[in-house]
Amino acid sequence: MPQDRHWVADAIARIEADFTRSADTHLIKLDLPQLGDIGLYLKDESTHPSGSLKHRLARSLFLYGLCNGWITKDTPIIEASSGSTAVSEAYFARLIGLRFIAVMPKTTSPQKIAKIAFYGGECHLVDNGAMIYDESHRLTRELNGHYMDQFTYAERATDWRGNNNIAESIFEQLGREPHPVPRWIVVGAGTGGTSSTIGRFIRYGKVLAHGCELCVADPENSVFYDAYATGDCSITGTCGSRVEGIGRPRVEPSFNPTVVDHMIRVPDAGSFAALHYLEKHLGRRCGGSTGTNLIATLALISEMKQAGESGSVVTLLCDSGDRYSDTYYNPHWITEQGIDLAPWQAALEKFDQTGIFDVKLDRHST
């Protein structure tokens, strides 16, 4: 109908205007002791209007749904999410005047739930992460809504060839640095959309020949690493990741292992110890997935240093630690989870002294 086309055109214009207002995220050079001629950079995705890396994904998913005719002026939006994607989608739903419902585990941080509500979204809580898919489908049928399904559409909704996606932005911002083509880019995987975008761009952008590789850091209770190492994408787990935003109990459709060069499995104790280490060196708190990324990054830098290599390494600062004051930054929560940070804190202190991260991690390369 003409009025629906007019509404869709207006909705797309609002989203594009929001994109124009939002300056690109910063690339922060983190000067750690003992790095030598190795540059460590953090792509700070926490500065997006909705506060995380998932702002890019949410924008792409809304545009994808609008342009495919799946979203109209009366369409309720439903998403399965452990938090940050839901926060960003609630932001865009409010921007274009749509009802938004996030289906998420009861263990999701209270700060994220409050942020979804701040943007006018509703939170539908389920007992465990494995239930979010079926419950999202049920609500979609019941409400005649649109299930965004980030886990399926993340890798196809984003223009991986450019259009200021995260990969293109990283390479442009490195352009005047001593090592403009990074040796490694390190990311986590929740949907797999970001790793797919970066892995494809490395090939498309003709930097593959310069030795740039993509490493995916995977937390505990995630099956991405096992699927990558064995080639069996039917593997499933029994519980969800404690690191919100990354790690899945099943291999999501958007995870593309063939564009990943290397994977590292990071224990949760390492991820959470890294947050305190990063706070000391960066001066602010970051979310759990940033800690997972950092552990894998330091392991790769340590390997480069031992081999006498120079170069740059880029990883992602995915969101702010303000959302996790009740969990990752709460000593009582850490104790309740049976996590011992001390050995990892000692290893990180040794890295500051030597530039060598002397911790054994599960690793696999293609």
Protein backbone atom coordinates (compact mmCIF):
# COMPACT_ATOMS: atom_id res chain seq x y z
CA MET A 1 0.00 0.00 0.00
CA PRO A 2 1.21 3.59 -0.73
CA GLN A 3 1.05 4.60 2.94
CA ASP A 4 3.16 1.59 3.93
CA ARG A 5 5.78 2.50 1.34
CA HIS A 6 5.81 6.05 2.66
CA TRP A 7 6.27 4.77 6.24
CA VAL A 8 9.10 2.44 5.21
CA ALA A 9 10.84 5.23 3.30
CA ASP A 10 10.54 7.50 6.34
CA ALA A 11 11.84 4.75 8.67
CA ILE A 12 14.88 4.15 6.47
CA ALA A 13 15.53 7.91 6.30
CA ARG A 14 15.46 8.13 10.11
CA ILE A 15 17.95 5.28 10.46
CA GLU A 16 20.24 6.77 7.82
CA ALA A 17 20.05 10.17 9.51
CA ASP A 18 21.04 8.55 12.80
CA PHE A 19 24.01 6.97 11.03
CA THR A 20 25.06 10.34 9.59
CA ARG A 21 24.89 11.94 13.05
CA SER A 22 27.06 9.23 14.59
CA ALA A 23 30.76 9.78 14.05
CA ASP A 24 32.92 6.70 13.55
CA THR A 25 34.16 4.93 16.68
CA HIS A 26 37.69 5.59 17.93
CA LEU A 27 40.72 3.38 17.43
CA ILE A 28 42.68 3.62 20.68
CA LYS A 29 46.39 2.81 20.83
CA LEU A 30 47.05 1.03 24.10
CA ASP A 31 50.65 1.62 25.17
CA LEU A 32 51.50 -1.35 27.36
CA PRO A 33 54.97 -1.95 28.81
CA GLN A 34 57.37 -4.18 26.90
CA LEU A 35 55.49 -4.17 23.57
CA GLY A 36 58.46 -2.85 21.60
CA ASP A 37 57.61 -2.35 17.93
CA ILE A 38 54.22 -4.02 18.27
CA GLY A 39 51.23 -1.69 18.24
CA LEU A 40 48.11 -2.75 20.16
CA TYR A 41 44.87 -1.03 19.16
CA LEU A 42 41.36 -1.19 20.59
CA LYS A 43 38.43 -0.40 18.29
CA ASP A 44 36.14 1.29 20.81
CA GLU A 45 32.62 0.24 19.89
CA SER A 46 31.22 1.39 23.23
CA THR A 47 30.87 4.94 21.85
CA HIS A 48 27.95 4.07 19.56
CA PRO A 49 24.68 5.78 20.59
CA SER A 50 23.33 2.53 22.08
CA GLY A 51 26.66 1.73 23.70
CA SER A 52 28.10 -1.34 22.00
CA LEU A 53 29.38 -3.11 18.91
CA LYS A 54 25.83 -4.41 18.36
CA HIS A 55 24.69 -0.95 17.25
CA ARG A 56 26.15 -1.72 13.82
CA LEU A 57 24.34 -5.06 13.65
CA ALA A 58 21.01 -3.66 14.82
CA ARG A 59 21.12 -0.91 12.21
CA SER A 60 21.88 -3.44 9.48
CA LEU A 61 19.14 -5.83 10.64
CA PHE A 62 16.51 -3.09 10.66
CA LEU A 63 17.49 -1.89 7.19
CA TYR A 64 17.51 -5.48 5.96
CA GLY A 65 14.04 -6.14 7.36
CA LEU A 66 12.62 -2.87 6.03
CA CYS A 67 14.05 -3.30 2.53
CA ASN A 68 12.86 -6.92 2.36
CA GLY A 69 9.31 -5.87 3.24
CA TRP A 70 9.32 -7.81 6.51
CA ILE A 71 8.89 -4.74 8.74
CA THR A 72 5.94 -2.38 8.36
CA LYS A 73 4.49 0.39 10.50
CA ASP A 74 2.54 -2.02 12.74
CA THR A 75 5.11 -4.83 13.05
CA PRO A 76 6.20 -5.83 16.56
CA ILE A 77 9.93 -6.67 16.59
CA ILE A 78 11.08 -9.76 18.48
CA GLU A 79 14.69 -10.73 19.09
CA ALA A 80 16.54 -13.51 20.90
CA SER A 81 19.42 -11.83 22.69
CA SER A 82 21.59 -12.02 25.78
CA GLY A 83 21.63 -8.27 26.03
CA SER A 84 23.61 -5.86 23.85
CA THR A 85 21.87 -6.65 20.56
CA ALA A 86 18.54 -6.19 22.30
CA VAL A 87 19.64 -2.83 23.72
CA SER A 88 20.63 -1.61 20.26
CA GLU A 89 17.50 -2.98 18.59
CA ALA A 90 15.34 -1.33 21.25
CA TYR A 91 17.10 1.93 20.36
CA PHE A 92 16.23 1.61 16.67
CA ALA A 93 12.70 0.34 17.33
CA ARG A 94 12.02 3.49 19.37
CA LEU A 95 13.59 5.58 16.61
CA ILE A 96 11.00 4.38 14.08
CA GLY A 97 8.11 3.91 16.52
CA LEU A 98 7.79 0.12 16.78
CA ARG A 99 7.13 -2.21 19.70
CA PHE A 100 10.19 -4.25 20.67
CA ILE A 101 10.40 -7.44 22.75
CA ALA A 102 13.69 -9.07 23.75
CA VAL A 103 13.68 -12.77 24.63
CA MET A 104 16.63 -13.37 26.93
CA PRO A 105 17.87 -15.62 29.76
CA LYS A 106 17.03 -14.67 33.32
CA THR A 107 20.79 -14.40 33.98
CA THR A 108 21.13 -11.32 31.77
CA SER A 109 22.64 -8.42 33.70
CA PRO A 110 20.11 -6.09 35.37
CA GLN A 111 21.87 -3.11 33.79
CA LYS A 112 21.14 -4.41 30.28
CA ILE A 113 17.52 -5.14 31.16
CA ALA A 114 17.18 -1.60 32.50
CA LYS A 115 18.75 -0.19 29.33
CA ILE A 116 16.29 -2.06 27.11
CA ALA A 117 13.45 -0.64 29.20
CA PHE A 118 15.00 2.83 28.93
CA TYR A 119 14.62 2.66 25.15
CA GLY A 120 11.01 1.50 25.51
CA GLY A 121 11.68 -2.20 24.92
CA GLU A 122 10.11 -5.12 26.76
CA CYS A 123 12.05 -8.03 28.26
CA HIS A 124 10.66 -11.56 28.07
CA LEU A 125 12.86 -13.69 30.35
CA VAL A 126 13.33 -17.46 30.00
CA ASP A 127 14.99 -19.97 32.30
CA ASN A 128 18.02 -20.73 30.12
CA GLY A 129 19.68 -19.63 26.91
CA ALA A 130 18.60 -22.70 24.94
CA MET A 131 14.95 -21.60 25.18
CA ILE A 132 15.32 -18.22 23.48
CA TYR A 133 14.90 -19.47 19.91
CA ASP A 134 11.63 -21.39 20.31
CA GLU A 135 10.15 -18.71 22.54
CA SER A 136 11.01 -16.01 20.00
CA HIS A 137 9.29 -17.98 17.25
CA ARG A 138 6.24 -18.47 19.47
CA LEU A 139 5.93 -14.78 20.27
CA THR A 140 6.39 -13.88 16.62
CA ARG A 141 3.50 -16.14 15.58
CA GLU A 142 1.31 -14.97 18.46
CA LEU A 143 1.87 -11.25 17.81
CA ASN A 144 2.15 -11.44 14.02
CA GLY A 145 5.53 -9.81 14.40
CA HIS A 146 8.97 -10.03 12.83
CA TYR A 147 11.68 -12.15 14.43
CA MET A 148 14.95 -10.34 13.70
CA ASP A 149 16.96 -13.56 14.21
CA GLN A 150 20.39 -12.02 14.55
CA PHE A 151 21.95 -15.47 14.63
CA THR A 152 20.83 -16.21 11.08
CA TYR A 153 20.96 -12.81 9.40
CA ALA A 154 24.00 -11.15 10.97
CA GLU A 155 26.42 -12.30 8.28
CA ARG A 156 24.20 -11.35 5.36
CA ALA A 157 22.63 -8.08 6.55
CA THR A 158 25.97 -6.25 6.70
CA ASP A 159 27.73 -5.01 3.58
CA TRP A 160 31.09 -6.72 4.11
CA ARG A 161 32.68 -5.00 1.09
CA GLY A 162 32.63 -1.54 2.66
CA ASN A 163 30.06 1.16 3.41
CA ASN A 164 31.95 2.06 6.59
CA ASN A 165 31.60 -1.38 8.10
CA ILE A 166 33.86 -2.16 11.04
CA ALA A 167 36.58 -3.76 8.90
CA GLU A 168 36.84 -0.86 6.48
CA SER A 169 36.90 1.56 9.40
CA ILE A 170 39.78 -0.30 11.09
CA PHE A 171 41.96 -0.23 7.99
CA GLU A 172 41.25 3.43 7.27
CA GLN A 173 42.10 4.43 10.84
CA LEU A 174 45.36 2.46 10.74
CA GLY A 175 46.40 4.23 7.55
CA ARG A 176 48.88 6.63 9.20
CA GLU A 177 50.18 4.19 11.82
CA PRO A 178 53.68 2.61 11.63
CA HIS A 179 52.12 -0.73 10.65
CA PRO A 180 48.95 0.12 8.68
CA VAL A 181 48.11 -3.49 7.82
CA PRO A 182 47.58 -5.43 11.07
CA ARG A 183 49.22 -8.78 11.63
CA TRP A 184 46.14 -9.90 13.55
CA ILE A 185 42.58 -8.77 14.11
CA VAL A 186 41.05 -10.44 17.17
CA VAL A 187 37.30 -10.65 17.77
CA GLY A 188 34.82 -12.78 19.66
CA ALA A 189 31.83 -14.50 18.10
CA GLY A 190 28.23 -14.33 19.26
CA THR A 191 26.33 -14.45 16.02
CA GLY A 192 29.45 -14.70 13.90
CA GLY A 193 28.48 -11.62 11.93
CA THR A 194 31.48 -9.49 12.91
CA SER A 195 34.03 -12.23 12.25
CA SER A 196 32.38 -12.95 8.89
CA THR A 197 32.48 -9.28 7.91
CA ILE A 198 36.13 -8.84 8.89
CA GLY A 199 37.26 -12.17 7.42
CA ARG A 200 35.63 -11.43 4.09
CA PHE A 201 36.95 -7.87 3.99
CA ILE A 202 40.51 -9.07 4.61
CA ARG A 203 40.21 -11.08 1.42
CA TYR A 204 38.27 -8.49 -0.55
CA GLY A 205 40.49 -5.62 0.55
CA LYS A 206 43.58 -7.35 -0.86
CA VAL A 207 45.41 -7.32 2.46
CA LEU A 208 45.52 -11.11 2.77
CA ALA A 209 48.83 -11.16 0.91
CA HIS A 210 50.30 -8.79 3.52
CA GLY A 211 49.92 -11.43 6.22
CA CYS A 212 46.81 -10.08 7.94
CA GLU A 213 44.92 -12.84 9.74
CA LEU A 214 41.69 -13.11 11.73
CA CYS A 215 41.62 -14.76 15.15
CA VAL A 216 38.36 -15.53 16.95
CA ALA A 217 38.48 -15.74 20.76
CA ASP A 218 35.89 -18.11 22.21
CA PRO A 219 34.85 -18.27 25.89
CA GLU A 220 33.92 -21.24 28.07
CA ASN A 221 30.62 -23.02 27.37
CA SER A 222 30.75 -22.12 23.70
CA VAL A 223 30.88 -24.66 20.89
CA PHE A 224 32.35 -22.41 18.19
CA TYR A 225 35.92 -23.47 19.01
CA ASP A 226 35.08 -27.18 19.00
CA ALA A 227 33.20 -26.88 15.72
CA TYR A 228 36.13 -25.02 14.17
CA ALA A 229 38.70 -27.53 15.42
CA THR A 230 36.73 -30.65 14.41
CA GLY A 231 34.80 -29.40 11.38
CA ASP A 232 31.57 -30.63 13.00
CA CYS A 233 29.04 -27.79 13.06
CA SER A 234 26.34 -30.00 14.58
CA ILE A 235 27.99 -29.83 18.02
CA THR A 236 25.77 -28.45 20.78
CA GLY A 237 26.39 -27.49 24.39
CA THR A 238 24.30 -27.75 27.53
CA CYS A 239 24.61 -24.25 28.95
CA GLY A 240 25.23 -20.68 27.87
CA SER A 241 28.35 -18.56 28.07
CA ARG A 242 28.99 -16.43 31.14
CA VAL A 243 30.54 -13.82 28.85
CA GLU A 244 27.50 -11.97 27.57
CA GLY A 245 27.44 -11.25 23.87
CA ILE A 246 29.84 -13.97 22.74
CA GLY A 247 29.91 -17.75 22.85
CA ARG A 248 26.95 -19.95 21.95
CA PRO A 249 25.71 -23.45 22.90
CA ARG A 250 25.14 -24.18 19.21
CA VAL A 251 26.88 -23.18 15.99
CA GLU A 252 24.85 -20.26 14.72
CA PRO A 253 24.07 -19.96 10.99
CA SER A 254 26.01 -16.68 10.76
CA PHE A 255 29.25 -18.19 12.05
CA ASN A 256 31.47 -18.72 9.02
CA PRO A 257 34.52 -20.81 10.03
CA THR A 258 36.06 -20.73 6.56
CA VAL A 259 37.01 -17.03 6.88
CA VAL A 260 38.64 -17.55 10.30
CA ASP A 261 42.39 -18.23 10.33
CA HIS A 262 42.87 -19.06 13.99
CA MET A 263 40.82 -19.66 17.14
CA ILE A 264 41.75 -19.46 20.80
CA ARG A 265 39.63 -20.71 23.67
CA VAL A 266 39.78 -18.40 26.69
CA PRO A 267 38.77 -19.55 30.20
CA ASP A 268 36.34 -17.23 31.94
CA ALA A 269 38.81 -16.59 34.75
CA GLY A 270 41.17 -15.13 32.15
CA SER A 271 38.45 -12.98 30.60
CA PHE A 272 37.45 -11.47 33.93
CA ALA A 273 41.01 -10.98 35.18
CA ALA A 274 41.76 -9.13 31.93
CA LEU A 275 39.03 -6.61 32.72
CA HIS A 276 40.86 -5.43 35.84
CA TYR A 277 44.15 -5.38 33.94
CA LEU A 278 42.57 -3.28 31.21
CA GLU A 279 41.01 -0.92 33.72
CA LYS A 280 44.49 -0.28 35.15
CA HIS A 281 45.97 0.54 31.73
CA LEU A 282 42.98 2.16 30.02
CA GLY A 283 41.47 4.01 32.97
CA ARG A 284 37.91 2.70 32.51
CA ARG A 285 35.87 -0.46 32.68
CA CYS A 286 34.97 -2.65 29.72
CA GLY A 287 32.56 -5.53 29.18
CA GLY A 288 33.38 -9.21 29.48
CA SER A 289 33.86 -9.92 25.79
CA THR A 290 36.60 -7.28 25.68
CA GLY A 291 38.43 -9.29 28.36
CA THR A 292 38.13 -12.45 26.27
CA ASN A 293 39.48 -10.61 23.25
CA LEU A 294 42.38 -9.16 25.24
CA ILE A 295 43.61 -12.53 26.54
CA ALA A 296 43.76 -13.92 23.01
CA THR A 297 45.40 -10.71 21.80
CA LEU A 298 48.15 -10.81 24.43
CA ALA A 299 48.83 -14.47 23.59
CA LEU A 300 49.37 -13.55 19.94
CA ILE A 301 51.51 -10.51 20.81
CA SER A 302 53.62 -12.70 23.07
CA GLU A 303 54.14 -15.10 20.18
CA MET A 304 55.12 -12.23 17.87
CA LYS A 305 57.56 -10.86 20.43
CA GLN A 306 59.23 -14.24 20.94
CA ALA A 307 59.60 -14.57 17.17
CA GLY A 308 61.15 -11.11 16.91
CA GLU A 309 58.25 -9.79 14.81
CA SER A 310 56.98 -6.23 14.62
CA GLY A 311 53.51 -5.17 13.49
CA SER A 312 50.10 -4.13 14.75
CA VAL A 313 47.31 -6.08 16.40
CA VAL A 314 43.72 -4.85 16.61
CA THR A 315 40.95 -6.07 18.88
CA LEU A 316 37.53 -4.81 19.88
CA LEU A 317 36.36 -2.93 22.94
CA CYS A 318 32.79 -4.14 22.60
CA ASP A 319 30.91 -2.30 25.33
CA SER A 320 31.28 -0.51 28.63
CA GLY A 321 31.80 -2.24 31.95
CA ASP A 322 29.04 -0.12 33.48
CA ARG A 323 26.58 -2.81 32.41
CA TYR A 324 28.31 -5.46 34.52
CA SER A 325 28.82 -3.97 37.98
CA ASP A 326 26.69 -6.76 39.49
CA THR A 327 28.63 -9.57 37.80
CA TYR A 328 32.15 -9.30 36.37
CA TYR A 329 33.15 -6.44 38.69
CA ASN A 330 31.44 -7.90 41.74
CA PRO A 331 33.85 -10.02 43.88
CA HIS A 332 30.92 -11.89 45.44
CA TRP A 333 29.63 -12.94 42.02
CA ILE A 334 33.11 -14.09 40.98
CA THR A 335 33.37 -16.19 44.16
CA GLU A 336 29.88 -17.65 43.69
CA GLN A 337 30.90 -18.75 40.19
CA GLY A 338 33.89 -20.63 41.61
CA ILE A 339 36.35 -18.52 39.62
CA ASP A 340 39.93 -17.89 40.77
CA LEU A 341 41.39 -14.78 39.18
CA ALA A 342 44.75 -14.90 40.98
CA PRO A 343 46.76 -17.08 38.53
CA TRP A 344 45.61 -14.97 35.59
CA GLN A 345 46.33 -11.72 37.39
CA ALA A 346 49.85 -12.99 38.08
CA ALA A 347 50.32 -13.90 34.40
CA LEU A 348 49.15 -10.46 33.33
CA GLU A 349 51.53 -8.76 35.75
CA LYS A 350 54.35 -10.89 34.30
CA PHE A 351 53.34 -9.78 30.80
CA ASP A 352 53.82 -6.17 31.87
CA GLN A 353 57.34 -7.03 33.03
CA THR A 354 58.44 -9.24 30.14
CA GLY A 355 56.03 -8.90 27.22
CA ILE A 356 55.53 -12.67 27.41
CA PHE A 357 52.12 -14.11 28.29
CA ASP A 358 53.07 -17.46 29.74
CA VAL A 359 49.68 -19.21 29.84
CA LYS A 360 48.70 -22.32 27.90
CA LEU A 361 45.52 -21.84 25.85
CA ASP A 362 43.65 -24.19 23.53
CA ARG A 363 44.40 -23.02 19.98
CA HIS A 364 43.66 -24.16 16.47
CA SER A 365 44.56 -22.88 13.03
CA THR A 366 43.27 -23.73 9.56
